[in-house]
Amino acid sequence: MDALAVYSEYGMIGIVAGMFVYLVISMSKKSDAQQQTLEDLKVENRGQSETLENTEGMIIKLIERWNKSDDVSLRHRQDMIEALVDVEKQLSRIDGIMSRMNGNSK
């Protein structure tokens, strides 16, 4: 009877020790799997960051191009306005000359 008690006590210790070893191995495997998943996410995040940086650069260049285009357009409009002012002055002179020729001097 004493041998049966000793056997059952050591058997229980063995079962608990086996469960502990299984727990450690199981957690180690899960840790490895999580580490691999984190590495995959790190690589994916790096790729997304590069894509965002490239997109940001393209958008900045596009905005700069629009700004240059707007500057050229604004200069063109200003040149047109100056030309119209010159034409208006010439028409005014011609109108004055025509008035004097018709005898309507002011």
PDB file of N, CA and C in Angstrom:
ATOM      1  N   MET A   1       0.815  -1.176   0.000  1.00  0.00           N
ATOM      2  CA  MET A   1       0.000   0.000   0.000  1.00  0.00           C
ATOM      3  C   MET A   1       0.870   1.255   0.000  1.00  0.00           C
ATOM      4  N   ASP A   2       1.925   1.184   0.710  1.00  0.00           N
ATOM      5  CA  ASP A   2       2.840   2.315   0.756  1.00  0.00           C
ATOM      6  C   ASP A   2       3.457   2.559  -0.618  1.00  0.00           C
ATOM      7  N   ALA A   3       3.758   1.520  -1.365  1.00  0.00           N
ATOM      8  CA  ALA A   3       4.331   1.664  -2.694  1.00  0.00           C
ATOM      9  C   ALA A   3       3.316   2.303  -3.642  1.00  0.00           C
ATOM     10  N   LEU A   4       2.032   1.960  -3.459  1.00  0.00           N
ATOM     11  CA  LEU A   4       0.986   2.543  -4.287  1.00  0.00           C
ATOM     12  C   LEU A   4       0.861   4.040  -4.026  1.00  0.00           C
ATOM     13  N   ALA A   5       0.972   4.477  -2.785  1.00  0.00           N
ATOM     14  CA  ALA A   5       0.889   5.903  -2.440  1.00  0.00           C
ATOM     15  C   ALA A   5       2.080   6.650  -3.024  1.00  0.00           C
ATOM     16  N   VAL A   6       3.265   6.061  -2.910  1.00  0.00           N
ATOM     17  CA  VAL A   6       4.468   6.698  -3.446  1.00  0.00           C
ATOM     18  C   VAL A   6       4.372   6.776  -4.969  1.00  0.00           C
ATOM     19  N   TYR A   7       3.914   5.707  -5.592  1.00  0.00           N
ATOM     20  CA  TYR A   7       3.770   5.672  -7.051  1.00  0.00           C
ATOM     21  C   TYR A   7       2.766   6.720  -7.522  1.00  0.00           C
ATOM     22  N   SER A   8       1.627   6.839  -6.836  1.00  0.00           N
ATOM     23  CA  SER A   8       0.614   7.822  -7.238  1.00  0.00           C
ATOM     24  C   SER A   8       1.104   9.243  -7.005  1.00  0.00           C
ATOM     25  N   GLU A   9       1.866   9.456  -5.905  1.00  0.00           N
ATOM     26  CA  GLU A   9       2.376  10.799  -5.626  1.00  0.00           C
ATOM     27  C   GLU A   9       3.399  11.201  -6.680  1.00  0.00           C
ATOM     28  N   TYR A  10       4.343  10.312  -6.992  1.00  0.00           N
ATOM     29  CA  TYR A  10       5.348  10.624  -8.000  1.00  0.00           C
ATOM     30  C   TYR A  10       4.735  10.671  -9.402  1.00  0.00           C
ATOM     31  N   GLY A  11       3.702   9.901  -9.605  1.00  0.00           N
ATOM     32  CA  GLY A  11       3.002   9.936 -10.883  1.00  0.00           C
ATOM     33  C   GLY A  11       2.342  11.290 -11.108  1.00  0.00           C
ATOM     34  N   MET A  12       1.739  11.810 -10.033  1.00  0.00           N
ATOM     35  CA  MET A  12       1.112  13.136 -10.134  1.00  0.00           C
ATOM     36  C   MET A  12       2.161  14.205 -10.370  1.00  0.00           C
ATOM     37  N   ILE A  13       3.299  14.082  -9.695  1.00  0.00           N
ATOM     38  CA  ILE A  13       4.386  15.049  -9.902  1.00  0.00           C
ATOM     39  C   ILE A  13       4.857  14.966 -11.354  1.00  0.00           C
ATOM     40  N   GLY A  14       4.953  13.770 -11.876  1.00  0.00           N
ATOM     41  CA  GLY A  14       5.365  13.580 -13.267  1.00  0.00           C
ATOM     42  C   GLY A  14       4.358  14.186 -14.234  1.00  0.00           C
ATOM     43  N   ILE A  15       3.072  13.990 -13.966  1.00  0.00           N
ATOM     44  CA  ILE A  15       2.019  14.551 -14.834  1.00  0.00           C
ATOM     45  C   ILE A  15       2.077  16.079 -14.806  1.00  0.00           C
ATOM     46  N   VAL A  16       2.221  16.660 -13.619  1.00  0.00           N
ATOM     47  CA  VAL A  16       2.298  18.125 -13.490  1.00  0.00           C
ATOM     48  C   VAL A  16       3.550  18.638 -14.192  1.00  0.00           C
ATOM     49  N   ALA A  17       4.671  17.946 -14.022  1.00  0.00           N
ATOM     50  CA  ALA A  17       5.904  18.350 -14.693  1.00  0.00           C
ATOM     51  C   ALA A  17       5.738  18.250 -16.205  1.00  0.00           C
ATOM     52  N   GLY A  18       5.107  17.204 -16.684  1.00  0.00           N
ATOM     53  CA  GLY A  18       4.848  17.057 -18.118  1.00  0.00           C
ATOM     54  C   GLY A  18       3.956  18.164 -18.637  1.00  0.00           C
ATOM     55  N   MET A  19       2.943  18.536 -17.890  1.00  0.00           N
ATOM     56  CA  MET A  19       2.047  19.626 -18.299  1.00  0.00           C
ATOM     57  C   MET A  19       2.813  20.956 -18.334  1.00  0.00           C
ATOM     58  N   PHE A  20       3.726  21.153 -17.380  1.00  0.00           N
ATOM     59  CA  PHE A  20       4.521  22.368 -17.339  1.00  0.00           C
ATOM     60  C   PHE A  20       5.433  22.447 -18.565  1.00  0.00           C
ATOM     61  N   VAL A  21       6.081  21.323 -18.885  1.00  0.00           N
ATOM     62  CA  VAL A  21       6.950  21.287 -20.067  1.00  0.00           C
ATOM     63  C   VAL A  21       6.126  21.543 -21.329  1.00  0.00           C
ATOM     64  N   TYR A  22       4.937  20.937 -21.425  1.00  0.00           N
ATOM     65  CA  TYR A  22       4.061  21.163 -22.569  1.00  0.00           C
ATOM     66  C   TYR A  22       3.676  22.644 -22.667  1.00  0.00           C
ATOM     67  N   LEU A  23       3.383  23.278 -21.529  1.00  0.00           N
ATOM     68  CA  LEU A  23       3.021  24.694 -21.492  1.00  0.00           C
ATOM     69  C   LEU A  23       4.174  25.547 -22.009  1.00  0.00           C
ATOM     70  N   VAL A  24       5.391  25.263 -21.553  1.00  0.00           N
ATOM     71  CA  VAL A  24       6.552  26.037 -21.986  1.00  0.00           C
ATOM     72  C   VAL A  24       6.783  25.869 -23.484  1.00  0.00           C
ATOM     73  N   ILE A  25       6.705  24.643 -23.983  1.00  0.00           N
ATOM     74  CA  ILE A  25       6.906  24.395 -25.415  1.00  0.00           C
ATOM     75  C   ILE A  25       5.807  25.068 -26.234  1.00  0.00           C
ATOM     76  N   SER A  26       4.568  24.970 -25.771  1.00  0.00           N
ATOM     77  CA  SER A  26       3.447  25.582 -26.474  1.00  0.00           C
ATOM     78  C   SER A  26       3.605  27.097 -26.540  1.00  0.00           C
ATOM     79  N   MET A  27       3.982  27.716 -25.441  1.00  0.00           N
ATOM     80  CA  MET A  27       4.161  29.177 -25.422  1.00  0.00           C
ATOM     81  C   MET A  27       5.343  29.581 -26.303  1.00  0.00           C
ATOM     82  N   SER A  28       6.371  28.755 -26.363  1.00  0.00           N
ATOM     83  CA  SER A  28       7.518  29.039 -27.216  1.00  0.00           C
ATOM     84  C   SER A  28       7.108  29.018 -28.683  1.00  0.00           C
ATOM     85  N   LYS A  29       6.309  28.039 -29.077  1.00  0.00           N
ATOM     86  CA  LYS A  29       5.830  27.961 -30.456  1.00  0.00           C
ATOM     87  C   LYS A  29       4.955  29.160 -30.801  1.00  0.00           C
ATOM     88  N   LYS A  30       4.075  29.533 -29.867  1.00  0.00           N
ATOM     89  CA  LYS A  30       3.214  30.699 -30.112  1.00  0.00           C
ATOM     90  C   LYS A  30       4.048  31.972 -30.219  1.00  0.00           C
ATOM     91  N   SER A  31       5.075  32.066 -29.392  1.00  0.00           N
ATOM     92  CA  SER A  31       5.955  33.237 -29.440  1.00  0.00           C
ATOM     93  C   SER A  31       6.676  33.319 -30.778  1.00  0.00           C
ATOM     94  N   ASP A  32       7.148  32.187 -31.278  1.00  0.00           N
ATOM     95  CA  ASP A  32       7.808  32.171 -32.593  1.00  0.00           C
ATOM     96  C   ASP A  32       6.840  32.585 -33.694  1.00  0.00           C
ATOM     97  N   ALA A  33       5.619  32.078 -33.614  1.00  0.00           N
ATOM     98  CA  ALA A  33       4.619  32.427 -34.627  1.00  0.00           C
ATOM     99  C   ALA A  33       4.298  33.920 -34.565  1.00  0.00           C
ATOM    100  N   GLN A  34       4.181  34.470 -33.364  1.00  0.00           N
ATOM    101  CA  GLN A  34       3.899  35.896 -33.218  1.00  0.00           C
ATOM    102  C   GLN A  34       5.074  36.731 -33.715  1.00  0.00           C
ATOM    103  N   GLN A  35       6.287  36.276 -33.445  1.00  0.00           N
ATOM    104  CA  GLN A  35       7.467  36.994 -33.912  1.00  0.00           C
ATOM    105  C   GLN A  35       7.504  37.032 -35.438  1.00  0.00           C
ATOM    106  N   GLN A  36       7.175  35.925 -36.067  1.00  0.00           N
ATOM    107  CA  GLN A  36       7.150  35.871 -37.531  1.00  0.00           C
ATOM    108  C   GLN A  36       6.069  36.804 -38.091  1.00  0.00           C
ATOM    109  N   THR A  37       4.909  36.807 -37.434  1.00  0.00           N
ATOM    110  CA  THR A  37       3.824  37.692 -37.861  1.00  0.00           C
ATOM    111  C   THR A  37       4.238  39.154 -37.726  1.00  0.00           C
ATOM    112  N   LEU A  38       4.921  39.490 -36.629  1.00  0.00           N
ATOM    113  CA  LEU A  38       5.395  40.859 -36.439  1.00  0.00           C
ATOM    114  C   LEU A  38       6.423  41.249 -37.503  1.00  0.00           C
ATOM    115  N   GLU A  39       7.292  40.335 -37.873  1.00  0.00           N
ATOM    116  CA  GLU A  39       8.267  40.613 -38.928  1.00  0.00           C
ATOM    117  C   GLU A  39       7.560  40.851 -40.264  1.00  0.00           C
ATOM    118  N   ASP A  40       6.550  40.037 -40.547  1.00  0.00           N
ATOM    119  CA  ASP A  40       5.779  40.219 -41.782  1.00  0.00           C
ATOM    120  C   ASP A  40       5.100  41.585 -41.796  1.00  0.00           C
ATOM    121  N   LEU A  41       4.522  41.965 -40.665  1.00  0.00           N
ATOM    122  CA  LEU A  41       3.865  43.273 -40.571  1.00  0.00           C
ATOM    123  C   LEU A  41       4.876  44.409 -40.718  1.00  0.00           C
ATOM    124  N   LYS A  42       6.063  44.204 -40.179  1.00  0.00           N
ATOM    125  CA  LYS A  42       7.110  45.216 -40.281  1.00  0.00           C
ATOM    126  C   LYS A  42       7.494  45.432 -41.743  1.00  0.00           C
ATOM    127  N   VAL A  43       7.655  44.344 -42.491  1.00  0.00           N
ATOM    128  CA  VAL A  43       7.996  44.445 -43.911  1.00  0.00           C
ATOM    129  C   VAL A  43       6.865  45.119 -44.680  1.00  0.00           C
ATOM    130  N   GLU A  44       5.627  44.733 -44.392  1.00  0.00           N
ATOM    131  CA  GLU A  44       4.472  45.325 -45.065  1.00  0.00           C
ATOM    132  C   GLU A  44       4.362  46.811 -44.744  1.00  0.00           C
ATOM    133  N   ASN A  45       4.598  47.167 -43.486  1.00  0.00           N
ATOM    134  CA  ASN A  45       4.535  48.566 -43.067  1.00  0.00           C
ATOM    135  C   ASN A  45       5.605  49.386 -43.779  1.00  0.00           C
ATOM    136  N   ARG A  46       6.796  48.820 -43.930  1.00  0.00           N
ATOM    137  CA  ARG A  46       7.876  49.514 -44.626  1.00  0.00           C
ATOM    138  C   ARG A  46       7.476  49.781 -46.083  1.00  0.00           C
ATOM    139  N   GLY A  47       6.857  48.777 -46.720  1.00  0.00           N
ATOM    140  CA  GLY A  47       6.410  48.949 -48.100  1.00  0.00           C
ATOM    141  C   GLY A  47       5.334  50.021 -48.221  1.00  0.00           C
ATOM    142  N   GLN A  48       4.411  50.033 -47.285  1.00  0.00           N
ATOM    143  CA  GLN A  48       3.350  51.044 -47.313  1.00  0.00           C
ATOM    144  C   GLN A  48       3.927  52.431 -47.066  1.00  0.00           C
ATOM    145  N   SER A  49       4.904  52.534 -46.180  1.00  0.00           N
ATOM    146  CA  SER A  49       5.533  53.831 -45.918  1.00  0.00           C
ATOM    147  C   SER A  49       6.224  54.361 -47.166  1.00  0.00           C
ATOM    148  N   GLU A  50       6.931  53.484 -47.883  1.00  0.00           N
ATOM    149  CA  GLU A  50       7.588  53.904 -49.117  1.00  0.00           C
ATOM    150  C   GLU A  50       6.572  54.345 -50.157  1.00  0.00           C
ATOM    151  N   THR A  51       5.470  53.621 -50.258  1.00  0.00           N
ATOM    152  CA  THR A  51       4.424  53.989 -51.206  1.00  0.00           C
ATOM    153  C   THR A  51       3.840  55.354 -50.858  1.00  0.00           C
ATOM    154  N   LEU A  52       3.595  55.591 -49.575  1.00  0.00           N
ATOM    155  CA  LEU A  52       3.062  56.887 -49.156  1.00  0.00           C
ATOM    156  C   LEU A  52       4.048  58.016 -49.444  1.00  0.00           C
ATOM    157  N   GLU A  53       5.332  57.775 -49.188  1.00  0.00           N
ATOM    158  CA  GLU A  53       6.338  58.801 -49.469  1.00  0.00           C
ATOM    159  C   GLU A  53       6.393  59.109 -50.969  1.00  0.00           C
ATOM    160  N   ASN A  54       6.332  58.063 -51.797  1.00  0.00           N
ATOM    161  CA  ASN A  54       6.339  58.275 -53.252  1.00  0.00           C
ATOM    162  C   ASN A  54       5.104  59.050 -53.693  1.00  0.00           C
ATOM    163  N   THR A  55       3.955  58.686 -53.159  1.00  0.00           N
ATOM    164  CA  THR A  55       2.715  59.380 -53.501  1.00  0.00           C
ATOM    165  C   THR A  55       2.777  60.841 -53.063  1.00  0.00           C
ATOM    166  N   GLU A  56       3.307  61.072 -51.876  1.00  0.00           N
ATOM    167  CA  GLU A  56       3.441  62.444 -51.380  1.00  0.00           C
ATOM    168  C   GLU A  56       4.347  63.263 -52.297  1.00  0.00           C
ATOM    169  N   GLY A  57       5.453  62.663 -52.726  1.00  0.00           N
ATOM    170  CA  GLY A  57       6.360  63.359 -53.640  1.00  0.00           C
ATOM    171  C   GLY A  57       5.685  63.698 -54.955  1.00  0.00           C
ATOM    172  N   MET A  58       4.905  62.751 -55.492  1.00  0.00           N
ATOM    173  CA  MET A  58       4.200  63.003 -56.752  1.00  0.00           C
ATOM    174  C   MET A  58       3.178  64.122 -56.591  1.00  0.00           C
ATOM    175  N   ILE A  59       2.466  64.121 -55.489  1.00  0.00           N
ATOM    176  CA  ILE A  59       1.449  65.162 -55.262  1.00  0.00           C
ATOM    177  C   ILE A  59       2.107  66.530 -55.139  1.00  0.00           C
ATOM    178  N   ILE A  60       3.238  66.585 -54.434  1.00  0.00           N
ATOM    179  CA  ILE A  60       3.947  67.864 -54.293  1.00  0.00           C
ATOM    180  C   ILE A  60       4.407  68.363 -55.653  1.00  0.00           C
ATOM    181  N   LYS A  61       4.956  67.471 -56.482  1.00  0.00           N
ATOM    182  CA  LYS A  61       5.392  67.876 -57.823  1.00  0.00           C
ATOM    183  C   LYS A  61       4.215  68.348 -58.673  1.00  0.00           C
ATOM    184  N   LEU A  62       3.079  67.667 -58.542  1.00  0.00           N
ATOM    185  CA  LEU A  62       1.892  68.058 -59.299  1.00  0.00           C
ATOM    186  C   LEU A  62       1.412  69.447 -58.872  1.00  0.00           C
ATOM    187  N   ILE A  63       1.400  69.700 -57.575  1.00  0.00           N
ATOM    188  CA  ILE A  63       0.988  71.027 -57.081  1.00  0.00           C
ATOM    189  C   ILE A  63       1.960  72.094 -57.575  1.00  0.00           C
ATOM    190  N   GLU A  64       3.256  71.792 -57.558  1.00  0.00           N
ATOM    191  CA  GLU A  64       4.239  72.759 -58.057  1.00  0.00           C
ATOM    192  C   GLU A  64       4.007  73.048 -59.544  1.00  0.00           C
ATOM    193  N   ARG A  65       3.675  72.017 -60.304  1.00  0.00           N
ATOM    194  CA  ARG A  65       3.406  72.197 -61.731  1.00  0.00           C
ATOM    195  C   ARG A  65       2.180  73.083 -61.929  1.00  0.00           C
ATOM    196  N   TRP A  66       1.125  72.841 -61.129  1.00  0.00           N
ATOM    197  CA  TRP A  66      -0.075  73.678 -61.223  1.00  0.00           C
ATOM    198  C   TRP A  66       0.255  75.125 -60.874  1.00  0.00           C
ATOM    199  N   ASN A  67       1.067  75.321 -59.846  1.00  0.00           N
ATOM    200  CA  ASN A  67       1.434  76.684 -59.460  1.00  0.00           C
ATOM    201  C   ASN A  67       2.191  77.384 -60.586  1.00  0.00           C
ATOM    202  N   LYS A  68       3.116  76.673 -61.237  1.00  0.00           N
ATOM    203  CA  LYS A  68       3.842  77.271 -62.364  1.00  0.00           C
ATOM    204  C   LYS A  68       2.884  77.599 -63.496  1.00  0.00           C
ATOM    205  N   SER A  69       1.955  76.697 -63.759  1.00  0.00           N
ATOM    206  CA  SER A  69       0.970  76.925 -64.816  1.00  0.00           C
ATOM    207  C   SER A  69       0.109  78.139 -64.483  1.00  0.00           C
ATOM    208  N   ASP A  70      -0.286  78.263 -63.222  1.00  0.00           N
ATOM    209  CA  ASP A  70      -1.078  79.422 -62.811  1.00  0.00           C
ATOM    210  C   ASP A  70      -0.283  80.711 -62.957  1.00  0.00           C
ATOM    211  N   ASP A  71       1.020  80.672 -62.642  1.00  0.00           N
ATOM    212  CA  ASP A  71       1.854  81.862 -62.789  1.00  0.00           C
ATOM    213  C   ASP A  71       1.936  82.285 -64.253  1.00  0.00           C
ATOM    214  N   VAL A  72       2.126  81.325 -65.138  1.00  0.00           N
ATOM    215  CA  VAL A  72       2.203  81.630 -66.571  1.00  0.00           C
ATOM    216  C   VAL A  72       0.873  82.200 -67.046  1.00  0.00           C
ATOM    217  N   SER A  73      -0.209  81.602 -66.614  1.00  0.00           N
ATOM    218  CA  SER A  73      -1.537  82.077 -67.005  1.00  0.00           C
ATOM    219  C   SER A  73      -1.782  83.491 -66.482  1.00  0.00           C
ATOM    220  N   LEU A  74      -1.379  83.749 -65.254  1.00  0.00           N
ATOM    221  CA  LEU A  74      -1.550  85.079 -64.676  1.00  0.00           C
ATOM    222  C   LEU A  74      -0.730  86.109 -65.443  1.00  0.00           C
ATOM    223  N   ARG A  75       0.522  85.766 -65.778  1.00  0.00           N
ATOM    224  CA  ARG A  75       1.347  86.685 -66.569  1.00  0.00           C
ATOM    225  C   ARG A  75       0.710  86.953 -67.930  1.00  0.00           C
ATOM    226  N   HIS A  76       0.172  85.920 -68.540  1.00  0.00           N
ATOM    227  CA  HIS A  76      -0.484  86.079 -69.848  1.00  0.00           C
ATOM    228  C   HIS A  76      -1.682  87.030 -69.729  1.00  0.00           C
ATOM    229  N   ARG A  77      -2.490  86.839 -68.685  1.00  0.00           N
ATOM    230  CA  ARG A  77      -3.644  87.731 -68.489  1.00  0.00           C
ATOM    231  C   ARG A  77      -3.203  89.170 -68.242  1.00  0.00           C
ATOM    232  N   GLN A  78      -2.137  89.346 -67.457  1.00  0.00           N
ATOM    233  CA  GLN A  78      -1.648  90.695 -67.190  1.00  0.00           C
ATOM    234  C   GLN A  78      -1.131  91.347 -68.478  1.00  0.00           C
ATOM    235  N   ASP A  79      -0.452  90.562 -69.301  1.00  0.00           N
ATOM    236  CA  ASP A  79       0.019  91.092 -70.590  1.00  0.00           C
ATOM    237  C   ASP A  79      -1.165  91.495 -71.470  1.00  0.00           C
ATOM    238  N   MET A  80      -2.216  90.689 -71.465  1.00  0.00           N
ATOM    239  CA  MET A  80      -3.411  91.014 -72.253  1.00  0.00           C
ATOM    240  C   MET A  80      -4.065  92.293 -71.742  1.00  0.00           C
ATOM    241  N   ILE A  81      -4.124  92.446 -70.428  1.00  0.00           N
ATOM    242  CA  ILE A  81      -4.733  93.662 -69.856  1.00  0.00           C
ATOM    243  C   ILE A  81      -3.900  94.879 -70.239  1.00  0.00           C
ATOM    244  N   GLU A  82      -2.571  94.767 -70.164  1.00  0.00           N
ATOM    245  CA  GLU A  82      -1.716  95.890 -70.563  1.00  0.00           C
ATOM    246  C   GLU A  82      -1.905  96.229 -72.035  1.00  0.00           C
ATOM    247  N   ALA A  83      -2.037  95.213 -72.878  1.00  0.00           N
ATOM    248  CA  ALA A  83      -2.263  95.453 -74.306  1.00  0.00           C
ATOM    249  C   ALA A  83      -3.602  96.153 -74.523  1.00  0.00           C
ATOM    250  N   LEU A  84      -4.627  95.727 -73.785  1.00  0.00           N
ATOM    251  CA  LEU A  84      -5.938  96.377 -73.912  1.00  0.00           C
ATOM    252  C   LEU A  84      -5.887  97.821 -73.439  1.00  0.00           C
ATOM    253  N   VAL A  85      -5.123  98.097 -72.386  1.00  0.00           N
ATOM    254  CA  VAL A  85      -4.980  99.479 -71.909  1.00  0.00           C
ATOM    255  C   VAL A  85      -4.297 100.318 -72.980  1.00  0.00           C
ATOM    256  N   ASP A  86      -3.262  99.760 -73.615  1.00  0.00           N
ATOM    257  CA  ASP A  86      -2.582 100.483 -74.695  1.00  0.00           C
ATOM    258  C   ASP A  86      -3.538 100.757 -75.855  1.00  0.00           C
ATOM    259  N   VAL A  87      -4.326  99.759 -76.226  1.00  0.00           N
ATOM    260  CA  VAL A  87      -5.302  99.937 -77.312  1.00  0.00           C
ATOM    261  C   VAL A  87      -6.320 101.010 -76.929  1.00  0.00           C
ATOM    262  N   GLU A  88      -6.745 100.981 -75.656  1.00  0.00           N
ATOM    263  CA  GLU A  88      -7.719 101.986 -75.195  1.00  0.00           C
ATOM    264  C   GLU A  88      -7.122 103.393 -75.298  1.00  0.00           C
ATOM    265  N   LYS A  89      -5.841 103.542 -74.929  1.00  0.00           N
ATOM    266  CA  LYS A  89      -5.192 104.850 -75.039  1.00  0.00           C
ATOM    267  C   LYS A  89      -5.103 105.300 -76.495  1.00  0.00           C
ATOM    268  N   GLN A  90      -4.755 104.373 -77.381  1.00  0.00           N
ATOM    269  CA  GLN A  90      -4.652 104.709 -78.801  1.00  0.00           C
ATOM    270  C   GLN A  90      -6.019 105.090 -79.367  1.00  0.00           C
ATOM    271  N   LEU A  91      -7.052 104.359 -78.959  1.00  0.00           N
ATOM    272  CA  LEU A  91      -8.405 104.704 -79.418  1.00  0.00           C
ATOM    273  C   LEU A  91      -8.823 106.073 -78.902  1.00  0.00           C
ATOM    274  N   SER A  92      -8.425 106.369 -77.690  1.00  0.00           N
ATOM    275  CA  SER A  92      -8.755 107.674 -77.127  1.00  0.00           C
ATOM    276  C   SER A  92      -8.067 108.782 -77.919  1.00  0.00           C
ATOM    277  N   ARG A  93      -6.791 108.552 -78.271  1.00  0.00           N
ATOM    278  CA  ARG A  93      -6.068 109.542 -79.085  1.00  0.00           C
ATOM    279  C   ARG A  93      -6.722 109.704 -80.453  1.00  0.00           C
ATOM    280  N   ILE A  94      -7.065 108.564 -81.061  1.00  0.00           N
ATOM    281  CA  ILE A  94      -7.707 108.613 -82.385  1.00  0.00           C
ATOM    282  C   ILE A  94      -9.037 109.349 -82.284  1.00  0.00           C
ATOM    283  N   ASP A  95      -9.792 109.080 -81.202  1.00  0.00           N
ATOM    284  CA  ASP A  95     -11.068 109.769 -81.004  1.00  0.00           C
ATOM    285  C   ASP A  95     -10.841 111.269 -80.869  1.00  0.00           C
ATOM    286  N   GLY A  96      -9.791 111.647 -80.139  1.00  0.00           N
ATOM    287  CA  GLY A  96      -9.474 113.087 -79.990  1.00  0.00           C
ATOM    288  C   GLY A  96      -9.093 113.711 -81.314  1.00  0.00           C
ATOM    289  N   ILE A  97      -8.293 113.003 -82.085  1.00  0.00           N
ATOM    290  CA  ILE A  97      -7.878 113.510 -83.389  1.00  0.00           C
ATOM    291  C   ILE A  97      -9.090 113.639 -84.307  1.00  0.00           C
ATOM    292  N   MET A  98      -9.946 112.647 -84.297  1.00  0.00           N
ATOM    293  CA  MET A  98     -11.144 112.676 -85.142  1.00  0.00           C
ATOM    294  C   MET A  98     -12.065 113.831 -84.727  1.00  0.00           C
ATOM    295  N   SER A  99     -12.163 114.054 -83.433  1.00  0.00           N
ATOM    296  CA  SER A  99     -13.003 115.161 -82.967  1.00  0.00           C
ATOM    297  C   SER A  99     -12.443 116.495 -83.438  1.00  0.00           C
ATOM    298  N   ARG A 100     -11.160 116.673 -83.377  1.00  0.00           N
ATOM    299  CA  ARG A 100     -10.535 117.921 -83.814  1.00  0.00           C
ATOM    300  C   ARG A 100     -10.675 118.109 -85.330  1.00  0.00           C
ATOM    301  N   MET A 101     -10.595 117.004 -86.042  1.00  0.00           N
ATOM    302  CA  MET A 101     -10.731 117.087 -87.503  1.00  0.00           C
ATOM    303  C   MET A 101     -12.156 117.460 -87.901  1.00  0.00           C
ATOM    304  N   ASN A 102     -13.126 117.036 -87.106  1.00  0.00           N
ATOM    305  CA  ASN A 102     -14.514 117.345 -87.408  1.00  0.00           C
ATOM    306  C   ASN A 102     -14.926 118.705 -86.846  1.00  0.00           C
ATOM    307  N   GLY A 103     -14.018 119.375 -86.181  1.00  0.00           N
ATOM    308  CA  GLY A 103     -14.307 120.689 -85.658  1.00  0.00           C
ATOM    309  C   GLY A 103     -14.950 120.678 -84.309  1.00  0.00           C
ATOM    310  N   ASN A 104     -14.934 119.632 -83.622  1.00  0.00           N
ATOM    311  CA  ASN A 104     -15.539 119.561 -82.288  1.00  0.00           C
ATOM    312  C   ASN A 104     -14.417 119.602 -81.237  1.00  0.00           C
ATOM    313  N   SER A 105     -13.658 120.647 -81.240  1.00  0.00           N
ATOM    314  CA  SER A 105     -12.551 120.708 -80.273  1.00  0.00           C
ATOM    315  C   SER A 105     -13.102 120.998 -78.903  1.00  0.00           C
ATOM    316  N   LYS A 106     -12.489 120.413 -77.995  1.00  0.00           N
ATOM    317  CA  LYS A 106     -12.995 120.511 -76.622  1.00  0.00           C
ATOM    318  C   LYS A 106     -12.291 121.564 -75.854  1.00  0.00           C
TER     319      LYS A 106
END
